[in-house]
Amino acid sequence: MISSPMARVLRVCALLGLALATGWSTAASAAGPMATGGPTSQPIGHYDFCKTSPAECSIHPGNLAPATMT
């Protein structure tokens, strides 16, 4: 086995990298799913678009029911 100082440094770096990667993956898997639902604010891109193109945002459809999936 190579015992030069550079090889030792390389082995230590590999061990540290493996330890860090393992620690991050266990923390990520322990976290629960992201909470969703509830009211949200208007996306800033939509707001800017409606400021520059008000005619596009003034359309109001008559049927606001969810689309039926086939």
PDB file of N, CA and C in Angstrom:
ATOM      1  N   MET A   1       0.844  -1.179   0.000  1.00  0.00           N
ATOM      2  CA  MET A   1       0.000   0.000   0.000  1.00  0.00           C
ATOM      3  C   MET A   1       0.887   1.239   0.000  1.00  0.00           C
ATOM      4  N   ILE A   2       0.486   2.256  -0.710  1.00  0.00           N
ATOM      5  CA  ILE A   2       1.262   3.486  -0.801  1.00  0.00           C
ATOM      6  C   ILE A   2       1.129   4.238   0.519  1.00  0.00           C
ATOM      7  N   SER A   3       2.269   4.655   1.058  1.00  0.00           N
ATOM      8  CA  SER A   3       2.229   5.355   2.343  1.00  0.00           C
ATOM      9  C   SER A   3       2.847   6.746   2.250  1.00  0.00           C
ATOM     10  N   SER A   4       2.839   7.322   1.074  1.00  0.00           N
ATOM     11  CA  SER A   4       3.391   8.665   0.944  1.00  0.00           C
ATOM     12  C   SER A   4       2.457   9.661   1.627  1.00  0.00           C
ATOM     13  N   PRO A   5       2.966  10.821   2.009  1.00  0.00           N
ATOM     14  CA  PRO A   5       2.118  11.827   2.658  1.00  0.00           C
ATOM     15  C   PRO A   5       0.939  12.253   1.777  1.00  0.00           C
ATOM     16  N   MET A   6       1.150  12.330   0.480  1.00  0.00           N
ATOM     17  CA  MET A   6       0.068  12.719  -0.422  1.00  0.00           C
ATOM     18  C   MET A   6      -1.037  11.663  -0.433  1.00  0.00           C
ATOM     19  N   ALA A   7      -0.663  10.398  -0.390  1.00  0.00           N
ATOM     20  CA  ALA A   7      -1.653   9.321  -0.373  1.00  0.00           C
ATOM     21  C   ALA A   7      -2.453   9.359   0.923  1.00  0.00           C
ATOM     22  N   ARG A   8      -1.797   9.655   2.030  1.00  0.00           N
ATOM     23  CA  ARG A   8      -2.508   9.762   3.313  1.00  0.00           C
ATOM     24  C   ARG A   8      -3.507  10.913   3.285  1.00  0.00           C
ATOM     25  N   VAL A   9      -3.094  12.039   2.740  1.00  0.00           N
ATOM     26  CA  VAL A   9      -3.988  13.197   2.643  1.00  0.00           C
ATOM     27  C   VAL A   9      -5.184  12.851   1.756  1.00  0.00           C
ATOM     28  N   LEU A  10      -4.931  12.169   0.670  1.00  0.00           N
ATOM     29  CA  LEU A  10      -6.002  11.765  -0.232  1.00  0.00           C
ATOM     30  C   LEU A  10      -6.987  10.825   0.464  1.00  0.00           C
ATOM     31  N   ARG A  11      -6.468   9.858   1.233  1.00  0.00           N
ATOM     32  CA  ARG A  11      -7.351   8.940   1.963  1.00  0.00           C
ATOM     33  C   ARG A  11      -8.180   9.670   3.007  1.00  0.00           C
ATOM     34  N   VAL A  12      -7.570  10.616   3.715  1.00  0.00           N
ATOM     35  CA  VAL A  12      -8.299  11.382   4.732  1.00  0.00           C
ATOM     36  C   VAL A  12      -9.387  12.224   4.073  1.00  0.00           C
ATOM     37  N   CYS A  13      -9.074  12.864   2.955  1.00  0.00           N
ATOM     38  CA  CYS A  13     -10.079  13.667   2.248  1.00  0.00           C
ATOM     39  C   CYS A  13     -11.226  12.791   1.747  1.00  0.00           C
ATOM     40  N   ALA A  14     -10.908  11.612   1.253  1.00  0.00           N
ATOM     41  CA  ALA A  14     -11.950  10.699   0.783  1.00  0.00           C
ATOM     42  C   ALA A  14     -12.838  10.262   1.939  1.00  0.00           C
ATOM     43  N   LEU A  15     -12.243   9.968   3.083  1.00  0.00           N
ATOM     44  CA  LEU A  15     -13.026   9.581   4.262  1.00  0.00           C
ATOM     45  C   LEU A  15     -13.915  10.717   4.736  1.00  0.00           C
ATOM     46  N   LEU A  16     -13.376  11.927   4.775  1.00  0.00           N
ATOM     47  CA  LEU A  16     -14.184  13.076   5.194  1.00  0.00           C
ATOM     48  C   LEU A  16     -15.327  13.335   4.213  1.00  0.00           C
ATOM     49  N   GLY A  17     -15.051  13.233   2.941  1.00  0.00           N
ATOM     50  CA  GLY A  17     -16.095  13.425   1.939  1.00  0.00           C
ATOM     51  C   GLY A  17     -17.195  12.385   2.063  1.00  0.00           C
ATOM     52  N   LEU A  18     -16.811  11.145   2.298  1.00  0.00           N
ATOM     53  CA  LEU A  18     -17.798  10.083   2.477  1.00  0.00           C
ATOM     54  C   LEU A  18     -18.621  10.307   3.737  1.00  0.00           C
ATOM     55  N   ALA A  19     -17.975  10.729   4.814  1.00  0.00           N
ATOM     56  CA  ALA A  19     -18.692  10.987   6.064  1.00  0.00           C
ATOM     57  C   ALA A  19     -19.672  12.144   5.904  1.00  0.00           C
ATOM     58  N   LEU A  20     -19.260  13.198   5.219  1.00  0.00           N
ATOM     59  CA  LEU A  20     -20.156  14.333   5.004  1.00  0.00           C
ATOM     60  C   LEU A  20     -21.339  13.953   4.118  1.00  0.00           C
ATOM     61  N   ALA A  21     -21.077  13.215   3.062  1.00  0.00           N
ATOM     62  CA  ALA A  21     -22.154  12.807   2.158  1.00  0.00           C
ATOM     63  C   ALA A  21     -23.152  11.907   2.870  1.00  0.00           C
ATOM     64  N   THR A  22     -22.671  11.008   3.702  1.00  0.00           N
ATOM     65  CA  THR A  22     -23.560  10.115   4.443  1.00  0.00           C
ATOM     66  C   THR A  22     -24.381  10.894   5.455  1.00  0.00           C
ATOM     67  N   GLY A  23     -23.780  11.846   6.124  1.00  0.00           N
ATOM     68  CA  GLY A  23     -24.509  12.650   7.105  1.00  0.00           C
ATOM     69  C   GLY A  23     -25.597  13.480   6.470  1.00  0.00           C
ATOM     70  N   TRP A  24     -25.336  14.043   5.307  1.00  0.00           N
ATOM     71  CA  TRP A  24     -26.341  14.859   4.630  1.00  0.00           C
ATOM     72  C   TRP A  24     -27.499  14.009   4.126  1.00  0.00           C
ATOM     73  N   SER A  25     -27.211  12.819   3.635  1.00  0.00           N
ATOM     74  CA  SER A  25     -28.293  11.992   3.097  1.00  0.00           C
ATOM     75  C   SER A  25     -29.205  11.493   4.208  1.00  0.00           C
ATOM     76  N   THR A  26     -28.659  11.184   5.385  1.00  0.00           N
ATOM     77  CA  THR A  26     -29.524  10.727   6.474  1.00  0.00           C
ATOM     78  C   THR A  26     -30.370  11.875   7.001  1.00  0.00           C
ATOM     79  N   ALA A  27     -29.836  13.074   7.034  1.00  0.00           N
ATOM     80  CA  ALA A  27     -30.629  14.218   7.487  1.00  0.00           C
ATOM     81  C   ALA A  27     -31.744  14.519   6.493  1.00  0.00           C
ATOM     82  N   ALA A  28     -31.476  14.391   5.222  1.00  0.00           N
ATOM     83  CA  ALA A  28     -32.493  14.658   4.210  1.00  0.00           C
ATOM     84  C   ALA A  28     -33.593  13.606   4.243  1.00  0.00           C
ATOM     85  N   SER A  29     -33.232  12.354   4.477  1.00  0.00           N
ATOM     86  CA  SER A  29     -34.252  11.308   4.501  1.00  0.00           C
ATOM     87  C   SER A  29     -35.068  11.348   5.782  1.00  0.00           C
ATOM     88  N   ALA A  30     -34.536  11.938   6.845  1.00  0.00           N
ATOM     89  CA  ALA A  30     -35.270  12.028   8.101  1.00  0.00           C
ATOM     90  C   ALA A  30     -36.308  13.145   8.075  1.00  0.00           C
ATOM     91  N   ALA A  31     -36.150  14.100   7.183  1.00  0.00           N
ATOM     92  CA  ALA A  31     -37.093  15.214   7.103  1.00  0.00           C
ATOM     93  C   ALA A  31     -38.409  14.735   6.505  1.00  0.00           C
ATOM     94  N   GLY A  32     -39.497  15.315   6.958  1.00  0.00           N
ATOM     95  CA  GLY A  32     -40.811  14.967   6.432  1.00  0.00           C
ATOM     96  C   GLY A  32     -41.069  15.667   5.118  1.00  0.00           C
ATOM     97  N   PRO A  33     -42.180  15.356   4.486  1.00  0.00           N
ATOM     98  CA  PRO A  33     -42.498  16.008   3.216  1.00  0.00           C
ATOM     99  C   PRO A  33     -42.828  17.486   3.416  1.00  0.00           C
ATOM    100  N   MET A  34     -42.646  18.259   2.367  1.00  0.00           N
ATOM    101  CA  MET A  34     -42.931  19.682   2.427  1.00  0.00           C
ATOM    102  C   MET A  34     -44.431  19.901   2.589  1.00  0.00           C
ATOM    103  N   ALA A  35     -44.801  20.787   3.478  1.00  0.00           N
ATOM    104  CA  ALA A  35     -46.212  21.093   3.690  1.00  0.00           C
ATOM    105  C   ALA A  35     -46.751  21.894   2.511  1.00  0.00           C
ATOM    106  N   THR A  36     -47.908  21.507   2.018  1.00  0.00           N
ATOM    107  CA  THR A  36     -48.540  22.214   0.911  1.00  0.00           C
ATOM    108  C   THR A  36     -49.972  22.552   1.283  1.00  0.00           C
ATOM    109  N   GLY A  37     -50.569  23.415   0.511  1.00  0.00           N
ATOM    110  CA  GLY A  37     -51.957  23.793   0.738  1.00  0.00           C
ATOM    111  C   GLY A  37     -52.059  25.170   1.345  1.00  0.00           C
ATOM    112  N   GLY A  38     -53.250  25.685   1.366  1.00  0.00           N
ATOM    113  CA  GLY A  38     -53.473  27.010   1.922  1.00  0.00           C
ATOM    114  C   GLY A  38     -53.321  28.087   0.871  1.00  0.00           C
ATOM    115  N   PRO A  39     -53.683  29.301   1.223  1.00  0.00           N
ATOM    116  CA  PRO A  39     -53.604  30.400   0.256  1.00  0.00           C
ATOM    117  C   PRO A  39     -52.156  30.794  -0.039  1.00  0.00           C
ATOM    118  N   THR A  40     -51.935  31.271  -1.248  1.00  0.00           N
ATOM    119  CA  THR A  40     -50.612  31.749  -1.655  1.00  0.00           C
ATOM    120  C   THR A  40     -50.746  33.132  -2.265  1.00  0.00           C
ATOM    121  N   SER A  41     -49.637  33.780  -2.465  1.00  0.00           N
ATOM    122  CA  SER A  41     -49.652  35.096  -3.101  1.00  0.00           C
ATOM    123  C   SER A  41     -49.456  34.931  -4.610  1.00  0.00           C
ATOM    124  N   GLN A  42     -49.749  35.976  -5.339  1.00  0.00           N
ATOM    125  CA  GLN A  42     -49.604  35.973  -6.790  1.00  0.00           C
ATOM    126  C   GLN A  42     -48.120  35.951  -7.149  1.00  0.00           C
ATOM    127  N   PRO A  43     -47.706  35.105  -8.091  1.00  0.00           N
ATOM    128  CA  PRO A  43     -46.301  35.093  -8.507  1.00  0.00           C
ATOM    129  C   PRO A  43     -45.901  36.452  -9.086  1.00  0.00           C
ATOM    130  N   ILE A  44     -44.690  36.886  -8.806  1.00  0.00           N
ATOM    131  CA  ILE A  44     -44.230  38.206  -9.232  1.00  0.00           C
ATOM    132  C   ILE A  44     -44.180  38.309 -10.755  1.00  0.00           C
ATOM    133  N   GLY A  45     -43.876  37.211 -11.434  1.00  0.00           N
ATOM    134  CA  GLY A  45     -43.851  37.232 -12.896  1.00  0.00           C
ATOM    135  C   GLY A  45     -45.228  37.493 -13.483  1.00  0.00           C
ATOM    136  N   HIS A  46     -46.257  36.909 -12.881  1.00  0.00           N
ATOM    137  CA  HIS A  46     -47.631  37.138 -13.348  1.00  0.00           C
ATOM    138  C   HIS A  46     -48.031  38.582 -13.089  1.00  0.00           C
ATOM    139  N   TYR A  47     -47.660  39.104 -11.950  1.00  0.00           N
ATOM    140  CA  TYR A  47     -47.966  40.499 -11.612  1.00  0.00           C
ATOM    141  C   TYR A  47     -47.316  41.448 -12.620  1.00  0.00           C
ATOM    142  N   ASP A  48     -46.033  41.238 -12.913  1.00  0.00           N
ATOM    143  CA  ASP A  48     -45.331  42.092 -13.880  1.00  0.00           C
ATOM    144  C   ASP A  48     -45.949  41.974 -15.273  1.00  0.00           C
ATOM    145  N   PHE A  49     -46.319  40.749 -15.666  1.00  0.00           N
ATOM    146  CA  PHE A  49     -46.933  40.548 -16.979  1.00  0.00           C
ATOM    147  C   PHE A  49     -48.251  41.304 -17.082  1.00  0.00           C
ATOM    148  N   CYS A  50     -49.067  41.244 -16.036  1.00  0.00           N
ATOM    149  CA  CYS A  50     -50.360  41.932 -16.065  1.00  0.00           C
ATOM    150  C   CYS A  50     -50.194  43.451 -16.047  1.00  0.00           C
ATOM    151  N   LYS A  51     -49.105  43.946 -15.468  1.00  0.00           N
ATOM    152  CA  LYS A  51     -48.845  45.391 -15.498  1.00  0.00           C
ATOM    153  C   LYS A  51     -48.483  45.843 -16.914  1.00  0.00           C
ATOM    154  N   THR A  52     -47.760  45.017 -17.655  1.00  0.00           N
ATOM    155  CA  THR A  52     -47.340  45.397 -19.004  1.00  0.00           C
ATOM    156  C   THR A  52     -48.368  45.025 -20.066  1.00  0.00           C
ATOM    157  N   SER A  53     -49.200  44.017 -19.819  1.00  0.00           N
ATOM    158  CA  SER A  53     -50.213  43.574 -20.792  1.00  0.00           C
ATOM    159  C   SER A  53     -51.563  43.410 -20.105  1.00  0.00           C
ATOM    160  N   PRO A  54     -52.216  44.513 -19.727  1.00  0.00           N
ATOM    161  CA  PRO A  54     -53.480  44.393 -18.987  1.00  0.00           C
ATOM    162  C   PRO A  54     -54.597  43.728 -19.786  1.00  0.00           C
ATOM    163  N   ALA A  55     -54.573  43.815 -21.118  1.00  0.00           N
ATOM    164  CA  ALA A  55     -55.622  43.179 -21.920  1.00  0.00           C
ATOM    165  C   ALA A  55     -55.587  41.659 -21.773  1.00  0.00           C
ATOM    166  N   GLU A  56     -54.407  41.101 -21.606  1.00  0.00           N
ATOM    167  CA  GLU A  56     -54.281  39.654 -21.440  1.00  0.00           C
ATOM    168  C   GLU A  56     -54.837  39.187 -20.097  1.00  0.00           C
ATOM    169  N   CYS A  57     -54.792  40.034 -19.107  1.00  0.00           N
ATOM    170  CA  CYS A  57     -55.220  39.652 -17.760  1.00  0.00           C
ATOM    171  C   CYS A  57     -56.651  40.061 -17.452  1.00  0.00           C
ATOM    172  N   SER A  58     -57.312  40.737 -18.387  1.00  0.00           N
ATOM    173  CA  SER A  58     -58.681  41.175 -18.126  1.00  0.00           C
ATOM    174  C   SER A  58     -59.714  40.157 -18.594  1.00  0.00           C
ATOM    175  N   ILE A  59     -59.275  39.019 -19.112  1.00  0.00           N
ATOM    176  CA  ILE A  59     -60.185  37.977 -19.585  1.00  0.00           C
ATOM    177  C   ILE A  59     -60.686  37.187 -18.381  1.00  0.00           C
ATOM    178  N   HIS A  60     -62.010  37.064 -18.256  1.00  0.00           N
ATOM    179  CA  HIS A  60     -62.611  36.310 -17.152  1.00  0.00           C
ATOM    180  C   HIS A  60     -63.524  35.242 -17.737  1.00  0.00           C
ATOM    181  N   PRO A  61     -63.157  33.969 -17.663  1.00  0.00           N
ATOM    182  CA  PRO A  61     -63.988  32.909 -18.236  1.00  0.00           C
ATOM    183  C   PRO A  61     -65.295  32.749 -17.462  1.00  0.00           C
ATOM    184  N   GLY A  62     -66.323  32.288 -18.146  1.00  0.00           N
ATOM    185  CA  GLY A  62     -67.620  32.099 -17.508  1.00  0.00           C
ATOM    186  C   GLY A  62     -67.658  30.874 -16.613  1.00  0.00           C
ATOM    187  N   ASN A  63     -66.956  29.812 -17.004  1.00  0.00           N
ATOM    188  CA  ASN A  63     -66.969  28.570 -16.246  1.00  0.00           C
ATOM    189  C   ASN A  63     -65.659  28.452 -15.465  1.00  0.00           C
ATOM    190  N   LEU A  64     -65.703  28.605 -14.170  1.00  0.00           N
ATOM    191  CA  LEU A  64     -64.499  28.531 -13.346  1.00  0.00           C
ATOM    192  C   LEU A  64     -64.322  27.166 -12.689  1.00  0.00           C
ATOM    193  N   ALA A  65     -65.156  26.194 -13.072  1.00  0.00           N
ATOM    194  CA  ALA A  65     -65.054  24.847 -12.501  1.00  0.00           C
ATOM    195  C   ALA A  65     -63.777  24.172 -12.994  1.00  0.00           C
ATOM    196  N   PRO A  66     -63.231  23.248 -12.224  1.00  0.00           N
ATOM    197  CA  PRO A  66     -62.040  22.523 -12.683  1.00  0.00           C
ATOM    198  C   PRO A  66     -62.333  21.747 -13.962  1.00  0.00           C
ATOM    199  N   ALA A  67     -61.346  21.638 -14.807  1.00  0.00           N
ATOM    200  CA  ALA A  67     -61.501  20.899 -16.061  1.00  0.00           C
ATOM    201  C   ALA A  67     -61.667  19.416 -15.755  1.00  0.00           C
ATOM    202  N   THR A  68     -62.503  18.750 -16.535  1.00  0.00           N
ATOM    203  CA  THR A  68     -62.695  17.312 -16.340  1.00  0.00           C
ATOM    204  C   THR A  68     -61.592  16.568 -17.072  1.00  0.00           C
ATOM    205  N   MET A  69     -61.012  15.610 -16.396  1.00  0.00           N
ATOM    206  CA  MET A  69     -59.927  14.820 -16.973  1.00  0.00           C
ATOM    207  C   MET A  69     -60.507  13.544 -17.570  1.00  0.00           C
ATOM    208  N   THR A  70     -60.025  13.163 -18.741  1.00  0.00           N
ATOM    209  CA  THR A  70     -60.511  11.938 -19.379  1.00  0.00           C
ATOM    210  C   THR A  70     -59.427  10.901 -19.434  1.00  0.00           C
TER     211      THR A  70
END
